Amino acid sequence: MDLWTQLALYQFIETPLCHLRPLRMSDFDRFYAIISCPQNTAFIFPSRQDPDEVSYLMAHNFIKNPLGIWAIASKTNDDFWGIIRLENIQVSKRTAEVGYFLHRDLWGQGLMTDCLKTLCDFSFGSFGLEELLIKTHAENVASQRVAQKVGFLAGQGYRASDRYSHKVRHYQDYYLTRKAWAHE
């Protein structure tokens, strides 16, 4: 089975602390609460205040092509908490980048570590990927800690133009291979 078929089979994933599911337009209010807060989006993209713009972003960037994108949701009431996704998937190389964000009220509770561990299990087990990459802003220590807790290793640090602000920023890459994950 190819990667896209595997991703289609796993649109709903249970983790120890939450569940991963497709994002829905009914999640708009909680999605807006994240996207409109500059603290939540400081390392993702500029926050947005216009509900129409947020709705467009939600539909076009997270719902239109849902494979490899999961809403992080509460097990008890299905409330939307954040996103974890596979980006820049290179099918021929069997690699992908992982991106994620979580509402700041839920930071520090181990939720993202839980989601990332689960996604690594599926990526290396069910999806057949060989390597995952996480790109962080150098000052995003919280995201770096999540990557390290899961077993990602620091790779190259570098300077590059931010894709939204076009300002030169410092970045730190983290990577994890299937082989290293198997030895965890």
Protein backbone atom coordinates (compact mmCIF):
# COMPACT_ATOMS: atom_id res chain seq x y z
CA MET A 1 0.00 0.00 0.00
CA ASP A 2 1.34 3.47 -0.81
CA LEU A 3 1.78 6.31 1.68
CA TRP A 4 -1.37 8.20 0.63
CA THR A 5 -3.53 5.11 1.06
CA GLN A 6 -2.00 4.52 4.49
CA LEU A 7 -2.66 8.14 5.50
CA ALA A 8 -6.28 7.74 4.34
CA LEU A 9 -6.67 4.67 6.54
CA TYR A 10 -5.45 6.55 9.62
CA GLN A 11 -7.49 9.75 9.64
CA PHE A 12 -8.53 8.95 13.22
CA ILE A 13 -5.77 8.07 15.68
CA GLU A 14 -6.05 7.55 19.43
CA THR A 15 -3.15 8.70 21.64
CA PRO A 16 -2.85 8.13 25.38
CA LEU A 17 -3.94 11.73 26.12
CA CYS A 18 -6.17 12.79 23.22
CA HIS A 19 -7.32 11.82 19.78
CA LEU A 20 -6.26 12.96 16.34
CA ARG A 21 -8.93 13.52 13.73
CA PRO A 22 -9.61 15.63 10.64
CA LEU A 23 -10.20 19.33 11.26
CA ARG A 24 -13.81 20.46 10.71
CA MET A 25 -15.34 23.88 10.11
CA SER A 26 -17.24 23.34 13.37
CA ASP A 27 -13.81 23.78 15.06
CA PHE A 28 -13.70 27.37 13.79
CA ASP A 29 -14.19 29.18 17.13
CA ARG A 30 -11.35 27.34 18.85
CA PHE A 31 -9.16 27.50 15.71
CA TYR A 32 -9.78 31.28 15.60
CA ALA A 33 -8.80 31.57 19.28
CA ILE A 34 -5.41 30.06 18.41
CA ILE A 35 -4.79 31.84 15.11
CA SER A 36 -5.82 35.29 16.38
CA CYS A 37 -3.41 35.18 19.35
CA PRO A 38 0.14 36.33 18.50
CA GLN A 39 1.59 34.22 21.36
CA ASN A 40 0.16 31.06 19.79
CA THR A 41 1.43 31.82 16.28
CA ALA A 42 4.78 33.51 16.97
CA PHE A 43 6.72 30.63 15.38
CA ILE A 44 4.15 29.57 12.79
CA PHE A 45 2.83 32.52 10.80
CA PRO A 46 1.49 35.99 11.56
CA SER A 47 -1.67 35.92 13.67
CA ARG A 48 -4.86 36.87 11.91
CA GLN A 49 -7.80 38.83 13.32
CA ASP A 50 -10.23 38.84 10.38
CA PRO A 51 -12.66 35.89 10.75
CA ASP A 52 -13.03 35.60 6.96
CA GLU A 53 -9.26 35.36 6.54
CA VAL A 54 -9.03 32.74 9.31
CA SER A 55 -11.87 30.77 7.73
CA TYR A 56 -10.07 30.84 4.37
CA LEU A 57 -6.79 29.75 6.00
CA MET A 58 -8.54 26.94 7.83
CA ALA A 59 -10.31 25.62 4.73
CA HIS A 60 -7.42 25.98 2.28
CA ASN A 61 -4.45 25.02 4.48
CA PHE A 62 -5.92 22.41 6.81
CA ILE A 63 -9.19 20.97 5.45
CA LYS A 64 -8.99 20.97 1.64
CA ASN A 65 -6.25 18.31 1.48
CA PRO A 66 -6.65 16.52 4.80
CA LEU A 67 -4.29 13.55 4.44
CA GLY A 68 -1.43 13.91 6.90
CA ILE A 69 -3.15 16.68 8.88
CA TRP A 70 -4.80 15.95 12.20
CA ALA A 71 -6.72 18.12 14.63
CA ILE A 72 -5.66 17.45 18.19
CA ALA A 73 -8.86 17.03 20.18
CA SER A 74 -10.06 16.22 23.67
CA LYS A 75 -11.09 12.63 24.32
CA THR A 76 -13.92 13.75 26.61
CA ASN A 77 -15.71 16.45 24.61
CA ASP A 78 -13.92 16.50 21.21
CA ASP A 79 -12.82 20.14 21.70
CA PHE A 80 -10.19 21.27 19.20
CA TRP A 81 -6.81 21.96 20.83
CA GLY A 82 -4.33 22.26 17.98
CA ILE A 83 -2.84 20.68 14.85
CA ILE A 84 -0.12 18.17 14.08
CA ARG A 85 0.74 17.41 10.48
CA LEU A 86 3.15 15.91 8.04
CA GLU A 87 4.42 18.55 5.62
CA ASN A 88 6.75 18.54 2.63
CA ILE A 89 6.24 14.82 2.19
CA GLN A 90 8.86 13.34 -0.14
CA VAL A 91 7.31 10.04 -1.20
CA SER A 92 10.36 8.87 -3.17
CA LYS A 93 12.73 9.58 -0.24
CA ARG A 94 10.17 8.45 2.34
CA THR A 95 10.69 11.58 4.42
CA ALA A 96 8.43 14.26 5.84
CA GLU A 97 8.57 17.33 7.97
CA VAL A 98 6.41 17.53 11.10
CA GLY A 99 4.64 20.76 12.00
CA TYR A 100 2.46 21.39 15.02
CA PHE A 101 0.78 23.98 17.17
CA LEU A 102 -1.31 23.90 20.31
CA HIS A 103 -3.43 26.47 22.14
CA ARG A 104 -1.17 28.17 24.69
CA ASP A 105 -3.53 27.32 27.57
CA LEU A 106 -2.52 23.68 27.03
CA TRP A 107 1.25 24.18 26.81
CA GLY A 108 3.42 22.31 29.31
CA GLN A 109 0.98 19.43 29.86
CA GLY A 110 2.75 16.85 27.69
CA LEU A 111 0.06 16.88 24.99
CA MET A 112 2.34 17.71 22.08
CA THR A 113 4.94 15.20 23.23
CA ASP A 114 2.17 12.58 23.35
CA CYS A 115 0.96 13.49 19.85
CA LEU A 116 4.46 13.57 18.36
CA LYS A 117 5.35 10.16 19.85
CA THR A 118 2.17 8.69 18.41
CA LEU A 119 2.80 10.26 15.01
CA CYS A 120 6.35 8.83 15.01
CA ASP A 121 4.95 5.37 15.76
CA PHE A 122 2.58 5.61 12.80
CA SER A 123 5.09 7.32 10.49
CA PHE A 124 7.73 4.65 10.94
CA GLY A 125 5.35 1.73 11.43
CA SER A 126 2.24 2.14 9.29
CA PHE A 127 3.29 4.88 6.85
CA GLY A 128 6.71 3.44 5.97
CA LEU A 129 8.63 6.69 6.35
CA GLU A 130 12.39 6.56 6.90
CA GLU A 131 13.03 10.01 8.38
CA LEU A 132 11.13 12.85 10.03
CA LEU A 133 12.35 16.43 10.29
CA ILE A 134 11.24 19.27 12.54
CA LYS A 135 12.35 22.82 11.70
CA THR A 136 12.27 25.20 14.65
CA HIS A 137 13.07 28.84 15.10
CA ALA A 138 16.24 28.94 17.20
CA GLU A 139 14.41 30.80 19.98
CA ASN A 140 11.51 28.29 20.07
CA VAL A 141 12.95 26.33 22.97
CA ALA A 142 9.59 24.73 23.88
CA SER A 143 9.26 23.08 20.47
CA GLN A 144 12.89 21.96 20.62
CA ARG A 145 12.22 20.36 24.02
CA VAL A 146 9.25 18.45 22.60
CA ALA A 147 11.41 17.14 19.74
CA GLN A 148 14.21 16.13 22.13
CA LYS A 149 11.83 14.36 24.55
CA VAL A 150 10.59 12.22 21.68
CA GLY A 151 14.14 11.33 20.57
CA PHE A 152 14.80 13.76 17.71
CA LEU A 153 18.43 14.81 17.41
CA ALA A 154 19.63 18.33 16.74
CA GLY A 155 20.84 18.73 13.21
CA GLN A 156 22.01 21.75 11.38
CA GLY A 157 21.53 25.26 12.70
CA TYR A 158 21.29 27.90 10.00
CA ARG A 159 19.99 31.33 8.99
CA ALA A 160 17.24 31.67 6.40
CA SER A 161 14.47 33.96 5.28
CA ASP A 162 11.19 33.44 7.12
CA ARG A 163 8.54 32.39 4.59
CA TYR A 164 6.00 34.88 5.95
CA SER A 165 7.91 37.92 7.22
CA HIS A 166 10.88 37.43 4.83
CA LYS A 167 13.18 38.48 7.68
CA VAL A 168 16.38 36.49 8.12
CA ARG A 169 16.01 34.32 11.21
CA HIS A 170 17.99 31.61 12.95
CA TYR A 171 16.65 28.05 12.70
CA GLN A 172 17.48 24.72 14.27
CA ASP A 173 16.57 21.42 12.59
CA TYR A 174 15.80 18.20 14.43
CA TYR A 175 15.61 14.80 12.78
CA LEU A 176 14.66 11.26 13.66
CA THR A 177 15.19 8.15 11.56
CA ARG A 178 13.21 4.92 11.53
CA LYS A 179 16.36 3.07 12.61
CA ALA A 180 16.90 5.35 15.63
CA TRP A 181 13.19 5.10 16.55
CA ALA A 182 13.37 1.31 16.49
CA HIS A 183 16.13 1.46 19.12
CA GLU A 184 14.22 3.78 21.47
